[in-house]
């Protein structure tokens, strides 16, 4: 039962990383588009906040991803 819980956590973290990465790209594009037309608008601040929050959560999820996959990563580097 313990392996399925860990596998479930790994899957959740992997999906979260993918979705956060997509949202980071979207928010970066939106910041660039809005910056051309309305540099100091509310929309620019909102997209910047979304980008910063997603970047922070992405970093935390990346750390969890490394922790949950440490054994696999360790064996990969030991074999090389």
C-alpha atoms as a PDB file:
ATOM      1  CA  UNK A   1       0.000   0.000   0.000  1.00  0.00           C
ATOM      2  CA  UNK A   2       2.876   2.367   0.729  1.00  0.00           C
ATOM      3  CA  UNK A   3       4.221   2.178  -2.837  1.00  0.00           C
ATOM      4  CA  UNK A   4       0.883   3.193  -4.333  1.00  0.00           C
ATOM      5  CA  UNK A   5       0.704   6.271  -2.103  1.00  0.00           C
ATOM      6  CA  UNK A   6       4.222   7.283  -3.126  1.00  0.00           C
ATOM      7  CA  UNK A   7       3.451   6.611  -6.785  1.00  0.00           C
ATOM      8  CA  UNK A   8       0.292   8.690  -6.430  1.00  0.00           C
ATOM      9  CA  UNK A   9       2.300  11.582  -4.923  1.00  0.00           C
ATOM     10  CA  UNK A  10       4.839  11.319  -7.737  1.00  0.00           C
ATOM     11  CA  UNK A  11       2.063  11.451 -10.324  1.00  0.00           C
ATOM     12  CA  UNK A  12       0.412  14.460  -8.677  1.00  0.00           C
ATOM     13  CA  UNK A  13       3.714  16.353  -8.476  1.00  0.00           C
ATOM     14  CA  UNK A  14       4.556  15.517 -12.100  1.00  0.00           C
ATOM     15  CA  UNK A  15       1.170  16.705 -13.359  1.00  0.00           C
ATOM     16  CA  UNK A  16       1.416  19.839 -11.210  1.00  0.00           C
ATOM     17  CA  UNK A  17       4.861  20.601 -12.656  1.00  0.00           C
ATOM     18  CA  UNK A  18       3.530  20.230 -16.195  1.00  0.00           C
ATOM     19  CA  UNK A  19       0.515  22.475 -15.564  1.00  0.00           C
ATOM     20  CA  UNK A  20       2.582  25.085 -13.732  1.00  0.00           C
ATOM     21  CA  UNK A  21       5.141  25.118 -16.546  1.00  0.00           C
ATOM     22  CA  UNK A  22       2.360  25.706 -19.089  1.00  0.00           C
ATOM     23  CA  UNK A  23       0.913  28.491 -16.929  1.00  0.00           C
ATOM     24  CA  UNK A  24       4.360  30.070 -16.557  1.00  0.00           C
ATOM     25  CA  UNK A  25       4.724  30.179 -20.342  1.00  0.00           C
ATOM     26  CA  UNK A  26       1.215  31.614 -20.773  1.00  0.00           C
ATOM     27  CA  UNK A  27       1.740  34.274 -18.127  1.00  0.00           C
ATOM     28  CA  UNK A  28       5.127  35.252 -19.584  1.00  0.00           C
ATOM     29  CA  UNK A  29       3.566  35.690 -23.027  1.00  0.00           C
ATOM     30  CA  UNK A  30       0.665  37.684 -21.585  1.00  0.00           C
ATOM     31  CA  UNK A  31       3.070  39.948 -19.692  1.00  0.00           C
ATOM     32  CA  UNK A  32       4.970  40.646 -22.911  1.00  0.00           C
ATOM     33  CA  UNK A  33       1.784  41.349 -24.894  1.00  0.00           C
ATOM     34  CA  UNK A  34       0.269  43.608 -22.231  1.00  0.00           C
ATOM     35  CA  UNK A  35       3.574  45.413 -21.650  1.00  0.00           C
ATOM     36  CA  UNK A  36       3.565  46.666 -25.249  1.00  0.00           C
ATOM     37  CA  UNK A  37       0.150  48.317 -24.957  1.00  0.00           C
ATOM     38  CA  UNK A  38      -0.586  48.928 -21.267  1.00  0.00           C
ATOM     39  CA  UNK A  39       2.594  48.750 -19.239  1.00  0.00           C
ATOM     40  CA  UNK A  40       1.245  49.899 -15.877  1.00  0.00           C
ATOM     41  CA  UNK A  41      -2.291  48.547 -16.118  1.00  0.00           C
ATOM     42  CA  UNK A  42      -4.058  46.292 -13.633  1.00  0.00           C
ATOM     43  CA  UNK A  43      -3.855  43.400 -16.100  1.00  0.00           C
ATOM     44  CA  UNK A  44      -0.072  43.697 -16.208  1.00  0.00           C
ATOM     45  CA  UNK A  45       0.123  43.535 -12.416  1.00  0.00           C
ATOM     46  CA  UNK A  46      -2.263  40.575 -12.255  1.00  0.00           C
ATOM     47  CA  UNK A  47      -0.329  38.552 -14.848  1.00  0.00           C
ATOM     48  CA  UNK A  48       2.944  39.432 -13.125  1.00  0.00           C
ATOM     49  CA  UNK A  49       1.539  38.237  -9.796  1.00  0.00           C
ATOM     50  CA  UNK A  50       0.312  35.015 -11.415  1.00  0.00           C
ATOM     51  CA  UNK A  51       3.757  34.515 -12.936  1.00  0.00           C
ATOM     52  CA  UNK A  52       5.575  35.052  -9.629  1.00  0.00           C
ATOM     53  CA  UNK A  53       3.218  32.800  -7.662  1.00  0.00           C
ATOM     54  CA  UNK A  54       3.408  30.028 -10.277  1.00  0.00           C
ATOM     55  CA  UNK A  55       7.189  30.321 -10.359  1.00  0.00           C
ATOM     56  CA  UNK A  56       7.380  29.931  -6.596  1.00  0.00           C
ATOM     57  CA  UNK A  57       5.006  26.955  -6.546  1.00  0.00           C
ATOM     58  CA  UNK A  58       6.885  25.462  -9.526  1.00  0.00           C
ATOM     59  CA  UNK A  59      10.142  25.652  -7.564  1.00  0.00           C
ATOM     60  CA  UNK A  60       8.569  23.993  -4.513  1.00  0.00           C
ATOM     61  CA  UNK A  61       6.992  21.277  -6.690  1.00  0.00           C
ATOM     62  CA  UNK A  62      10.372  20.745  -8.355  1.00  0.00           C
ATOM     63  CA  UNK A  63      11.946  20.125  -4.954  1.00  0.00           C
ATOM     64  CA  UNK A  64       9.207  17.599  -4.111  1.00  0.00           C
ATOM     65  CA  UNK A  65       9.757  15.979  -7.511  1.00  0.00           C
ATOM     66  CA  UNK A  66      13.448  15.509  -6.734  1.00  0.00           C
ATOM     67  CA  UNK A  67      12.669  14.158  -3.245  1.00  0.00           C
ATOM     68  CA  UNK A  68      10.095  11.655  -4.526  1.00  0.00           C
ATOM     69  CA  UNK A  69      12.389  10.490  -7.340  1.00  0.00           C
ATOM     70  CA  UNK A  70      15.655  10.593  -5.397  1.00  0.00           C
ATOM     71  CA  UNK A  71      16.295   6.841  -5.551  1.00  0.00           C
ATOM     72  CA  UNK A  72      15.790   6.783  -9.313  1.00  0.00           C
ATOM     73  CA  UNK A  73      17.998   9.843  -9.840  1.00  0.00           C
ATOM     74  CA  UNK A  74      20.690   8.451  -7.561  1.00  0.00           C
ATOM     75  CA  UNK A  75      20.800   5.133  -9.418  1.00  0.00           C
ATOM     76  CA  UNK A  76      20.909   6.952 -12.747  1.00  0.00           C
ATOM     77  CA  UNK A  77      23.943   9.014 -11.749  1.00  0.00           C
ATOM     78  CA  UNK A  78      25.677   6.054 -10.095  1.00  0.00           C
ATOM     79  CA  UNK A  79      25.413   4.038 -13.338  1.00  0.00           C
ATOM     80  CA  UNK A  80      26.919   6.841 -15.399  1.00  0.00           C
END
